[in-house]
Protein backbone atom coordinates (compact mmCIF):
# COMPACT_ATOMS: atom_id res chain seq x y z
CA MET A 1 -2.60 -13.58 -12.14
CA VAL A 2 -3.52 -13.12 -8.53
CA GLY A 3 -4.94 -9.48 -8.43
CA ALA A 4 -5.44 -6.80 -10.97
CA ILE A 5 -7.10 -3.35 -11.11
CA GLY A 6 -7.65 -0.69 -13.76
CA PRO A 7 -7.12 2.94 -12.84
CA GLY A 8 -6.59 3.27 -9.08
CA LEU A 9 -3.71 2.90 -6.62
CA CYS A 10 -1.02 0.42 -6.35
CA VAL A 11 -0.12 0.35 -2.59
CA LEU A 12 3.10 -1.38 -1.52
CA VAL A 13 2.73 -2.05 2.25
CA GLY A 14 5.75 -2.42 4.49
CA VAL A 15 5.28 -3.30 8.14
CA THR A 16 7.84 -2.67 10.95
CA HIS A 17 8.00 -3.94 14.45
CA ASP A 18 6.06 -1.23 16.24
CA ASP A 19 3.13 -1.18 13.69
CA THR A 20 -0.31 -2.09 15.25
CA GLU A 21 -3.82 -2.66 14.14
CA ALA A 22 -4.55 1.00 14.94
CA SER A 23 -1.65 2.11 12.54
CA ALA A 24 -3.17 -0.27 9.89
CA LYS A 25 -6.58 1.41 10.19
CA ARG A 26 -4.98 4.88 10.06
CA LEU A 27 -3.11 3.79 6.91
CA ALA A 28 -6.25 2.63 5.20
CA ASP A 29 -8.01 5.78 6.15
CA LYS A 30 -5.22 7.95 4.82
CA LEU A 31 -5.14 5.92 1.51
CA TRP A 32 -8.92 6.22 1.06
CA ASN A 33 -9.10 10.02 1.67
CA LEU A 34 -5.71 11.14 0.34
CA ARG A 35 -6.33 13.71 -2.33
CA ILE A 36 -3.99 12.61 -5.05
CA MET A 37 -6.37 11.74 -7.91
CA ALA A 38 -6.90 14.24 -10.73
CA ASP A 39 -10.05 16.25 -11.02
CA ALA A 40 -11.55 17.54 -14.29
CA GLU A 41 -8.76 20.18 -14.45
CA GLY A 42 -5.95 17.65 -13.80
CA VAL A 43 -5.27 18.90 -10.39
CA MET A 44 -4.73 16.28 -7.57
CA ASN A 45 -7.87 17.30 -5.81
CA LEU A 46 -9.83 14.02 -5.43
CA SER A 47 -9.35 10.95 -3.30
CA ILE A 48 -9.68 7.37 -4.42
CA ALA A 49 -13.01 7.31 -2.60
CA ASP A 50 -14.15 10.08 -4.99
CA THR A 51 -12.87 8.35 -8.13
CA THR A 52 -12.27 4.68 -9.03
CA ARG A 53 -12.31 3.20 -5.45
CA SER A 54 -9.81 0.55 -6.66
CA LEU A 55 -6.63 -0.41 -4.92
CA LEU A 56 -4.10 -3.12 -5.39
CA VAL A 57 -2.40 -3.83 -2.03
CA VAL A 58 0.84 -5.79 -2.15
CA SER A 59 2.95 -6.62 0.97
CA GLN A 60 6.53 -5.33 0.54
CA PHE A 61 8.88 -6.02 3.45
CA THR A 62 11.74 -4.60 1.34
CA LEU A 63 10.53 -1.08 1.86
CA TYR A 64 12.26 -1.41 5.23
CA GLY A 65 15.49 -2.52 3.73
CA ASP A 66 18.35 -0.54 5.26
CA THR A 67 21.30 0.18 2.92
CA ALA A 68 23.13 2.64 5.15
CA LYS A 69 26.04 0.24 5.88
CA GLY A 70 27.72 -2.12 3.46
CA ARG A 71 26.48 -3.36 0.19
CA ARG A 72 23.94 -5.79 1.33
CA PRO A 73 20.55 -4.50 2.66
CA SER A 74 19.57 -5.27 6.21
CA TRP A 75 15.88 -6.35 6.76
CA ILE A 76 16.10 -5.94 10.61
CA ALA A 77 13.47 -3.04 10.56
CA ALA A 78 10.90 -5.26 8.68
CA ALA A 79 8.41 -7.01 10.83
CA ARG A 80 8.51 -10.89 10.77
CA PRO A 81 5.65 -12.42 8.82
CA LYS A 82 3.82 -13.44 11.94
CA HIS A 83 3.41 -9.78 12.90
CA ALA A 84 3.22 -8.40 9.37
CA GLU A 85 0.63 -10.48 7.58
CA PRO A 86 -2.29 -9.81 9.97
CA LEU A 87 -1.55 -6.07 9.73
CA VAL A 88 -1.52 -6.08 5.87
CA ASP A 89 -4.80 -8.04 6.09
CA ALA A 90 -6.12 -5.36 8.41
CA VAL A 91 -5.35 -2.58 5.92
CA VAL A 92 -7.22 -4.57 3.21
CA HIS A 93 -10.22 -5.25 5.49
CA GLU A 94 -10.43 -1.58 6.63
CA LEU A 95 -10.30 -0.40 2.90
CA ARG A 96 -13.08 -2.86 2.02
CA SER A 97 -15.16 -1.60 4.93
CA LEU A 98 -14.86 1.87 3.74
CA GLY A 99 -16.22 0.87 0.32
CA ALA A 100 -13.01 0.18 -1.65
CA THR A 101 -12.57 -2.54 -4.28
CA VAL A 102 -9.34 -4.15 -3.22
CA GLU A 103 -7.15 -6.72 -4.96
CA THR A 104 -4.20 -8.16 -3.30
CA GLY A 105 -0.88 -9.98 -4.00
CA ARG A 106 0.09 -13.17 -2.01
CA PHE A 107 1.96 -12.79 1.18
CA ARG A 108 5.50 -14.29 1.32
CA THR A 109 5.45 -14.87 -2.48
CA ASP A 110 7.87 -13.83 -5.20
CA MET A 111 5.50 -11.74 -7.38
CA GLN A 112 5.92 -9.87 -10.72
CA VAL A 113 4.07 -6.51 -10.18
CA GLU A 114 3.26 -4.49 -13.28
CA LEU A 115 2.02 -0.96 -13.02
CA VAL A 116 1.69 2.15 -15.17
CA ASN A 117 2.62 5.12 -13.06
CA ASP A 118 0.42 7.96 -14.28
CA GLY A 119 2.05 11.19 -13.27
CA PRO A 120 4.71 10.18 -12.18
CA VAL A 121 3.41 10.31 -8.70
CA THR A 122 4.93 8.02 -6.11
CA LEU A 123 4.33 8.85 -2.37
CA LEU A 124 5.64 7.41 0.92
CA VAL A 125 2.63 7.34 3.25
CA GLU A 126 3.50 6.89 6.91
CA THR A 127 1.03 6.74 9.88
């Protein structure tokens, strides 16, 4: 096991060619303050900052897989590891500087990610 959290957010981070350190910081801020956690009435009114403060961040280049043509995805929109890895690290660093407890996967590794999707709530967060 590389990283594990209890209740919190499982964040799959995809990086594309025009992403920058500034966009990594915006993403971290958005994740930290996004009001998607349930309050006492079960309404999505609280942020991760207001609740568990726990995130599992996993690099996921396949989020930029393009299946518009043919039957095999194209990964052209996904940034190369040399560009992507520092930006995923920047998201993690920024979240930690905000006060988050962050666990991570391993970059460029085939991982088995388990999660219990409470909701179900799955969001695409863009910066």
